[in-house]
């Protein structure tokens, strides 16, 4: 029994992670095949993806298990990787070489968690854009994780209203309170420091975190497709 457990953990430690896949020769084929997946395909198709150590390990560990979960995760992962697959390999390797094993493990675990939880493929798209920003060094690790956490918690189609709050404007009774409260709860708009809530006539707008995610979405043309 002890030997079985030891072997299991050796597989976990040595398994190929999402970053290995992003710099491997398998990435382009995985993205192409993953994007073409239908969620009602046969189990035989799933087996072809299990040959990729990262996917196979998640299935063996029970992180994904049902056929629908397997297929949906594969498609979300393909969408995520699609956004960064054209980054020059040297840039990717430079980024990965700069990570300590502890930091890499943390980023990998958080990212896998968020992709597994994502109920919408659009969230995988956005996380892919955010990861691309991190690879190019335009945001740091903390901002990368923070923005992915926001995407994880958001109702993704609320984010299409971000451009309305780039420029500060007066909070009126015609405001979409649902969107404002959502952005406040996500940490994209700061609440009023004195009262703890915005009153009509106050100037509201995105904070630095909100402006960061808006910039990423706008620069990648996300709003046009949302």
C-alpha atoms as a PDB file:
ATOM      1  CA  UNK A   1       0.000   0.000   0.000  1.00  0.00           C
ATOM      2  CA  UNK A   2       2.804   2.421   0.944  1.00  0.00           C
ATOM      3  CA  UNK A   3       4.644   1.705  -2.319  1.00  0.00           C
ATOM      4  CA  UNK A   4       1.436   2.386  -4.290  1.00  0.00           C
ATOM      5  CA  UNK A   5       1.033   5.769  -2.594  1.00  0.00           C
ATOM      6  CA  UNK A   6       4.678   6.636  -3.173  1.00  0.00           C
ATOM      7  CA  UNK A   7       4.389   5.766  -6.854  1.00  0.00           C
ATOM      8  CA  UNK A   8       1.249   7.877  -7.121  1.00  0.00           C
ATOM      9  CA  UNK A   9       2.974  10.934  -5.681  1.00  0.00           C
ATOM     10  CA  UNK A  10       6.046  10.411  -7.866  1.00  0.00           C
ATOM     11  CA  UNK A  11       3.734  10.610 -10.883  1.00  0.00           C
ATOM     12  CA  UNK A  12       2.228  13.854  -9.564  1.00  0.00           C
ATOM     13  CA  UNK A  13       5.601  15.485  -8.989  1.00  0.00           C
ATOM     14  CA  UNK A  14       6.983  14.401 -12.372  1.00  0.00           C
ATOM     15  CA  UNK A  15       3.872  15.041 -14.427  1.00  0.00           C
ATOM     16  CA  UNK A  16       3.987  17.440 -17.358  1.00  0.00           C
ATOM     17  CA  UNK A  17       2.212  20.654 -16.389  1.00  0.00           C
ATOM     18  CA  UNK A  18       0.337  23.245 -18.396  1.00  0.00           C
ATOM     19  CA  UNK A  19       3.537  25.240 -18.954  1.00  0.00           C
ATOM     20  CA  UNK A  20       5.360  22.232 -20.404  1.00  0.00           C
ATOM     21  CA  UNK A  21       2.499  21.782 -22.827  1.00  0.00           C
ATOM     22  CA  UNK A  22       2.694  25.446 -23.858  1.00  0.00           C
ATOM     23  CA  UNK A  23       6.298  25.043 -25.067  1.00  0.00           C
ATOM     24  CA  UNK A  24       6.009  21.535 -26.501  1.00  0.00           C
ATOM     25  CA  UNK A  25       5.642  20.478 -30.109  1.00  0.00           C
ATOM     26  CA  UNK A  26       2.273  19.007 -29.149  1.00  0.00           C
ATOM     27  CA  UNK A  27       0.712  22.395 -28.405  1.00  0.00           C
ATOM     28  CA  UNK A  28      -0.509  23.384 -31.879  1.00  0.00           C
ATOM     29  CA  UNK A  29      -2.081  19.983 -32.565  1.00  0.00           C
ATOM     30  CA  UNK A  30      -3.661  19.923 -29.105  1.00  0.00           C
ATOM     31  CA  UNK A  31      -5.189  23.374 -29.670  1.00  0.00           C
ATOM     32  CA  UNK A  32      -6.483  22.449 -33.118  1.00  0.00           C
ATOM     33  CA  UNK A  33      -8.005  19.153 -31.934  1.00  0.00           C
ATOM     34  CA  UNK A  34      -9.301  20.612 -28.673  1.00  0.00           C
ATOM     35  CA  UNK A  35     -11.116  23.508 -30.341  1.00  0.00           C
ATOM     36  CA  UNK A  36     -12.802  21.082 -32.731  1.00  0.00           C
ATOM     37  CA  UNK A  37     -14.191  18.947 -29.899  1.00  0.00           C
ATOM     38  CA  UNK A  38     -17.914  18.395 -29.554  1.00  0.00           C
ATOM     39  CA  UNK A  39     -19.109  17.617 -26.038  1.00  0.00           C
ATOM     40  CA  UNK A  40     -20.915  14.441 -27.106  1.00  0.00           C
ATOM     41  CA  UNK A  41     -18.006  12.593 -28.700  1.00  0.00           C
ATOM     42  CA  UNK A  42     -17.127   9.030 -27.763  1.00  0.00           C
ATOM     43  CA  UNK A  43     -14.851   7.916 -24.955  1.00  0.00           C
ATOM     44  CA  UNK A  44     -12.323   6.755 -27.568  1.00  0.00           C
ATOM     45  CA  UNK A  45     -11.644  10.380 -28.461  1.00  0.00           C
ATOM     46  CA  UNK A  46     -10.933  11.236 -24.820  1.00  0.00           C
ATOM     47  CA  UNK A  47      -8.332   8.485 -24.722  1.00  0.00           C
ATOM     48  CA  UNK A  48      -6.316  10.219 -27.461  1.00  0.00           C
ATOM     49  CA  UNK A  49      -5.917  13.266 -25.183  1.00  0.00           C
ATOM     50  CA  UNK A  50      -4.933  11.096 -22.212  1.00  0.00           C
ATOM     51  CA  UNK A  51      -1.607  10.496 -23.960  1.00  0.00           C
ATOM     52  CA  UNK A  52      -0.660  14.037 -22.936  1.00  0.00           C
ATOM     53  CA  UNK A  53       0.748  13.603 -19.402  1.00  0.00           C
ATOM     54  CA  UNK A  54      -0.900  16.758 -18.011  1.00  0.00           C
ATOM     55  CA  UNK A  55      -4.386  15.613 -19.082  1.00  0.00           C
ATOM     56  CA  UNK A  56      -3.816  11.972 -18.157  1.00  0.00           C
ATOM     57  CA  UNK A  57      -2.606  12.905 -14.675  1.00  0.00           C
ATOM     58  CA  UNK A  58      -5.665  15.055 -13.956  1.00  0.00           C
ATOM     59  CA  UNK A  59      -7.965  12.188 -14.940  1.00  0.00           C
ATOM     60  CA  UNK A  60      -6.004   9.652 -12.848  1.00  0.00           C
ATOM     61  CA  UNK A  61      -6.125  11.974  -9.827  1.00  0.00           C
ATOM     62  CA  UNK A  62      -9.867  12.447 -10.172  1.00  0.00           C
ATOM     63  CA  UNK A  63      -9.624  16.187 -10.906  1.00  0.00           C
ATOM     64  CA  UNK A  64     -11.763  15.489 -13.960  1.00  0.00           C
ATOM     65  CA  UNK A  65     -13.758  12.318 -14.326  1.00  0.00           C
ATOM     66  CA  UNK A  66     -17.031  12.349 -16.219  1.00  0.00           C
ATOM     67  CA  UNK A  67     -16.933  12.360 -20.000  1.00  0.00           C
ATOM     68  CA  UNK A  68     -18.497  15.827 -20.124  1.00  0.00           C
ATOM     69  CA  UNK A  69     -15.988  17.237 -17.599  1.00  0.00           C
ATOM     70  CA  UNK A  70     -13.085  15.682 -19.490  1.00  0.00           C
ATOM     71  CA  UNK A  71     -14.165  17.119 -22.811  1.00  0.00           C
ATOM     72  CA  UNK A  72     -15.091  20.530 -21.447  1.00  0.00           C
ATOM     73  CA  UNK A  73     -11.767  20.906 -19.650  1.00  0.00           C
ATOM     74  CA  UNK A  74      -9.847  19.871 -22.778  1.00  0.00           C
ATOM     75  CA  UNK A  75     -11.730  22.449 -24.818  1.00  0.00           C
ATOM     76  CA  UNK A  76     -11.164  25.183 -22.203  1.00  0.00           C
ATOM     77  CA  UNK A  77      -7.466  24.325 -22.053  1.00  0.00           C
ATOM     78  CA  UNK A  78      -7.275  24.492 -25.860  1.00  0.00           C
ATOM     79  CA  UNK A  79      -8.903  27.934 -25.810  1.00  0.00           C
ATOM     80  CA  UNK A  80      -6.459  29.109 -23.137  1.00  0.00           C
ATOM     81  CA  UNK A  81      -3.421  27.860 -25.085  1.00  0.00           C
ATOM     82  CA  UNK A  82      -4.767  29.267 -28.353  1.00  0.00           C
ATOM     83  CA  UNK A  83      -4.274  32.781 -26.978  1.00  0.00           C
ATOM     84  CA  UNK A  84      -0.556  32.278 -26.294  1.00  0.00           C
ATOM     85  CA  UNK A  85       0.514  29.736 -28.910  1.00  0.00           C
ATOM     86  CA  UNK A  86       1.935  32.411 -31.214  1.00  0.00           C
ATOM     87  CA  UNK A  87       4.209  33.874 -28.550  1.00  0.00           C
ATOM     88  CA  UNK A  88       7.817  33.182 -29.642  1.00  0.00           C
ATOM     89  CA  UNK A  89       9.191  30.106 -27.904  1.00  0.00           C
ATOM     90  CA  UNK A  90      12.164  32.119 -26.622  1.00  0.00           C
ATOM     91  CA  UNK A  91       9.777  34.469 -24.782  1.00  0.00           C
ATOM     92  CA  UNK A  92       7.948  31.549 -23.175  1.00  0.00           C
ATOM     93  CA  UNK A  93      11.174  29.850 -22.126  1.00  0.00           C
ATOM     94  CA  UNK A  94      12.570  33.109 -20.749  1.00  0.00           C
ATOM     95  CA  UNK A  95       9.461  33.502 -18.598  1.00  0.00           C
ATOM     96  CA  UNK A  96       9.486  29.894 -17.389  1.00  0.00           C
ATOM     97  CA  UNK A  97      13.235  29.920 -16.690  1.00  0.00           C
ATOM     98  CA  UNK A  98      12.675  32.915 -14.420  1.00  0.00           C
ATOM     99  CA  UNK A  99      10.229  31.006 -12.194  1.00  0.00           C
ATOM    100  CA  UNK A 100      11.422  29.176  -9.107  1.00  0.00           C
ATOM    101  CA  UNK A 101       9.996  25.635  -8.764  1.00  0.00           C
ATOM    102  CA  UNK A 102       7.823  26.853  -5.872  1.00  0.00           C
ATOM    103  CA  UNK A 103       6.464  29.812  -7.850  1.00  0.00           C
ATOM    104  CA  UNK A 104       5.859  27.692 -10.941  1.00  0.00           C
ATOM    105  CA  UNK A 105       3.944  25.120  -8.897  1.00  0.00           C
ATOM    106  CA  UNK A 106       1.794  27.847  -7.368  1.00  0.00           C
ATOM    107  CA  UNK A 107       0.933  29.407 -10.741  1.00  0.00           C
ATOM    108  CA  UNK A 108       0.222  25.975 -12.223  1.00  0.00           C
ATOM    109  CA  UNK A 109      -2.066  24.933  -9.359  1.00  0.00           C
ATOM    110  CA  UNK A 110      -4.036  28.176  -9.365  1.00  0.00           C
ATOM    111  CA  UNK A 111      -4.411  28.183 -13.132  1.00  0.00           C
ATOM    112  CA  UNK A 112      -5.535  24.547 -13.273  1.00  0.00           C
ATOM    113  CA  UNK A 113      -8.061  25.240 -10.503  1.00  0.00           C
ATOM    114  CA  UNK A 114      -9.521  28.250 -12.318  1.00  0.00           C
ATOM    115  CA  UNK A 115      -9.733  26.441 -15.663  1.00  0.00           C
ATOM    116  CA  UNK A 116     -11.431  23.448 -14.055  1.00  0.00           C
ATOM    117  CA  UNK A 117     -13.986  25.716 -12.370  1.00  0.00           C
ATOM    118  CA  UNK A 118     -14.711  27.913 -15.386  1.00  0.00           C
ATOM    119  CA  UNK A 119     -18.318  27.390 -16.431  1.00  0.00           C
ATOM    120  CA  UNK A 120     -17.862  29.316 -19.660  1.00  0.00           C
ATOM    121  CA  UNK A 121     -15.297  28.915 -22.445  1.00  0.00           C
ATOM    122  CA  UNK A 122     -15.001  32.715 -22.570  1.00  0.00           C
ATOM    123  CA  UNK A 123     -13.262  32.642 -19.185  1.00  0.00           C
ATOM    124  CA  UNK A 124     -10.553  30.396 -20.624  1.00  0.00           C
ATOM    125  CA  UNK A 125     -10.118  32.905 -23.466  1.00  0.00           C
ATOM    126  CA  UNK A 126      -9.665  35.785 -21.021  1.00  0.00           C
ATOM    127  CA  UNK A 127      -7.249  33.841 -18.805  1.00  0.00           C
ATOM    128  CA  UNK A 128      -5.234  33.072 -21.927  1.00  0.00           C
ATOM    129  CA  UNK A 129      -4.980  36.798 -22.686  1.00  0.00           C
ATOM    130  CA  UNK A 130      -3.929  37.475 -19.083  1.00  0.00           C
ATOM    131  CA  UNK A 131      -1.283  34.747 -19.236  1.00  0.00           C
ATOM    132  CA  UNK A 132       0.090  36.272 -22.439  1.00  0.00           C
ATOM    133  CA  UNK A 133       0.486  39.574 -20.573  1.00  0.00           C
ATOM    134  CA  UNK A 134       2.421  37.752 -17.844  1.00  0.00           C
ATOM    135  CA  UNK A 135       4.732  35.986 -20.314  1.00  0.00           C
ATOM    136  CA  UNK A 136       5.624  39.332 -21.904  1.00  0.00           C
ATOM    137  CA  UNK A 137       6.255  40.840 -18.459  1.00  0.00           C
ATOM    138  CA  UNK A 138       3.552  43.501 -18.667  1.00  0.00           C
ATOM    139  CA  UNK A 139       2.073  42.252 -15.368  1.00  0.00           C
ATOM    140  CA  UNK A 140       3.702  40.383 -12.466  1.00  0.00           C
ATOM    141  CA  UNK A 141       2.742  37.043 -10.903  1.00  0.00           C
ATOM    142  CA  UNK A 142       0.525  38.630  -8.261  1.00  0.00           C
ATOM    143  CA  UNK A 143      -1.446  40.651 -10.798  1.00  0.00           C
ATOM    144  CA  UNK A 144      -1.736  37.561 -13.010  1.00  0.00           C
ATOM    145  CA  UNK A 145      -3.265  35.530 -10.182  1.00  0.00           C
ATOM    146  CA  UNK A 146      -5.432  38.443  -9.044  1.00  0.00           C
ATOM    147  CA  UNK A 147      -6.904  38.991 -12.502  1.00  0.00           C
ATOM    148  CA  UNK A 148      -7.510  35.264 -13.031  1.00  0.00           C
ATOM    149  CA  UNK A 149      -9.256  35.147  -9.654  1.00  0.00           C
ATOM    150  CA  UNK A 150     -11.508  38.031 -10.723  1.00  0.00           C
ATOM    151  CA  UNK A 151     -12.383  36.253 -13.964  1.00  0.00           C
ATOM    152  CA  UNK A 152     -13.109  33.092 -11.960  1.00  0.00           C
ATOM    153  CA  UNK A 153     -15.607  34.947  -9.736  1.00  0.00           C
ATOM    154  CA  UNK A 154     -17.191  37.138 -12.406  1.00  0.00           C
ATOM    155  CA  UNK A 155     -20.304  36.591 -14.468  1.00  0.00           C
ATOM    156  CA  UNK A 156     -18.267  36.857 -17.622  1.00  0.00           C
ATOM    157  CA  UNK A 157     -20.717  38.900 -19.680  1.00  0.00           C
ATOM    158  CA  UNK A 158     -20.768  41.646 -17.020  1.00  0.00           C
ATOM    159  CA  UNK A 159     -17.204  42.402 -18.091  1.00  0.00           C
ATOM    160  CA  UNK A 160     -18.441  43.829 -21.395  1.00  0.00           C
ATOM    161  CA  UNK A 161     -19.603  46.868 -19.367  1.00  0.00           C
ATOM    162  CA  UNK A 162     -16.058  47.716 -18.230  1.00  0.00           C
ATOM    163  CA  UNK A 163     -15.591  50.373 -20.981  1.00  0.00           C
ATOM    164  CA  UNK A 164     -18.510  52.339 -19.461  1.00  0.00           C
ATOM    165  CA  UNK A 165     -16.408  52.966 -16.346  1.00  0.00           C
ATOM    166  CA  UNK A 166     -12.992  53.756 -17.813  1.00  0.00           C
ATOM    167  CA  UNK A 167     -13.701  57.465 -17.501  1.00  0.00           C
ATOM    168  CA  UNK A 168     -15.039  58.444 -14.108  1.00  0.00           C
ATOM    169  CA  UNK A 169     -18.624  59.666 -14.280  1.00  0.00           C
ATOM    170  CA  UNK A 170     -21.380  60.721 -11.904  1.00  0.00           C
ATOM    171  CA  UNK A 171     -23.303  57.967 -10.207  1.00  0.00           C
ATOM    172  CA  UNK A 172     -26.989  58.634 -11.003  1.00  0.00           C
ATOM    173  CA  UNK A 173     -30.289  56.893 -10.375  1.00  0.00           C
ATOM    174  CA  UNK A 174     -30.135  55.708 -13.994  1.00  0.00           C
ATOM    175  CA  UNK A 175     -27.005  53.680 -13.207  1.00  0.00           C
ATOM    176  CA  UNK A 176     -26.996  49.909 -13.590  1.00  0.00           C
ATOM    177  CA  UNK A 177     -26.683  49.138  -9.872  1.00  0.00           C
ATOM    178  CA  UNK A 178     -26.250  45.423 -10.515  1.00  0.00           C
ATOM    179  CA  UNK A 179     -23.139  46.032 -12.638  1.00  0.00           C
ATOM    180  CA  UNK A 180     -21.701  48.657 -10.272  1.00  0.00           C
ATOM    181  CA  UNK A 181     -22.143  46.397  -7.244  1.00  0.00           C
ATOM    182  CA  UNK A 182     -20.626  43.474  -9.141  1.00  0.00           C
ATOM    183  CA  UNK A 183     -17.569  45.528 -10.086  1.00  0.00           C
ATOM    184  CA  UNK A 184     -17.216  46.751  -6.503  1.00  0.00           C
ATOM    185  CA  UNK A 185     -17.433  43.172  -5.182  1.00  0.00           C
ATOM    186  CA  UNK A 186     -14.829  42.039  -7.730  1.00  0.00           C
ATOM    187  CA  UNK A 187     -12.467  44.853  -6.684  1.00  0.00           C
ATOM    188  CA  UNK A 188     -12.640  46.652 -10.053  1.00  0.00           C
ATOM    189  CA  UNK A 189     -14.259  49.800  -8.638  1.00  0.00           C
ATOM    190  CA  UNK A 190     -13.314  51.092  -5.195  1.00  0.00           C
ATOM    191  CA  UNK A 191     -16.127  51.684  -2.759  1.00  0.00           C
ATOM    192  CA  UNK A 192     -16.574  55.100  -1.160  1.00  0.00           C
ATOM    193  CA  UNK A 193     -13.960  55.333   1.586  1.00  0.00           C
ATOM    194  CA  UNK A 194     -16.018  57.520   3.931  1.00  0.00           C
ATOM    195  CA  UNK A 195     -19.502  56.016   3.686  1.00  0.00           C
ATOM    196  CA  UNK A 196     -18.807  52.481   2.474  1.00  0.00           C
ATOM    197  CA  UNK A 197     -21.281  52.931  -0.357  1.00  0.00           C
ATOM    198  CA  UNK A 198     -21.665  55.220  -3.342  1.00  0.00           C
ATOM    199  CA  UNK A 199     -24.279  57.976  -3.220  1.00  0.00           C
ATOM    200  CA  UNK A 200     -25.843  59.621  -6.239  1.00  0.00           C
ATOM    201  CA  UNK A 201     -23.657  62.376  -7.648  1.00  0.00           C
ATOM    202  CA  UNK A 202     -20.379  60.707  -6.680  1.00  0.00           C
ATOM    203  CA  UNK A 203     -17.766  60.141  -9.401  1.00  0.00           C
ATOM    204  CA  UNK A 204     -17.202  56.429  -9.977  1.00  0.00           C
ATOM    205  CA  UNK A 205     -14.737  54.677 -12.261  1.00  0.00           C
ATOM    206  CA  UNK A 206     -12.412  51.702 -12.581  1.00  0.00           C
ATOM    207  CA  UNK A 207      -9.443  51.453 -10.237  1.00  0.00           C
ATOM    208  CA  UNK A 208      -5.983  50.316 -11.393  1.00  0.00           C
ATOM    209  CA  UNK A 209      -7.008  46.650 -11.327  1.00  0.00           C
ATOM    210  CA  UNK A 210     -10.135  47.362 -13.350  1.00  0.00           C
ATOM    211  CA  UNK A 211      -8.155  49.433 -15.848  1.00  0.00           C
ATOM    212  CA  UNK A 212      -5.639  46.603 -16.181  1.00  0.00           C
ATOM    213  CA  UNK A 213      -8.208  43.986 -17.110  1.00  0.00           C
ATOM    214  CA  UNK A 214      -9.989  46.453 -19.411  1.00  0.00           C
ATOM    215  CA  UNK A 215      -6.707  47.188 -21.214  1.00  0.00           C
ATOM    216  CA  UNK A 216      -6.050  43.466 -21.710  1.00  0.00           C
ATOM    217  CA  UNK A 217      -9.538  42.797 -23.057  1.00  0.00           C
ATOM    218  CA  UNK A 218      -9.508  45.828 -25.336  1.00  0.00           C
ATOM    219  CA  UNK A 219      -6.032  45.174 -26.765  1.00  0.00           C
ATOM    220  CA  UNK A 220      -7.077  41.631 -27.701  1.00  0.00           C
ATOM    221  CA  UNK A 221     -10.372  42.654 -29.306  1.00  0.00           C
ATOM    222  CA  UNK A 222     -12.477  40.767 -26.751  1.00  0.00           C
ATOM    223  CA  UNK A 223     -15.294  43.327 -26.590  1.00  0.00           C
ATOM    224  CA  UNK A 224     -16.054  42.951 -30.292  1.00  0.00           C
ATOM    225  CA  UNK A 225     -16.754  39.243 -29.845  1.00  0.00           C
ATOM    226  CA  UNK A 226     -18.420  39.350 -26.396  1.00  0.00           C
END
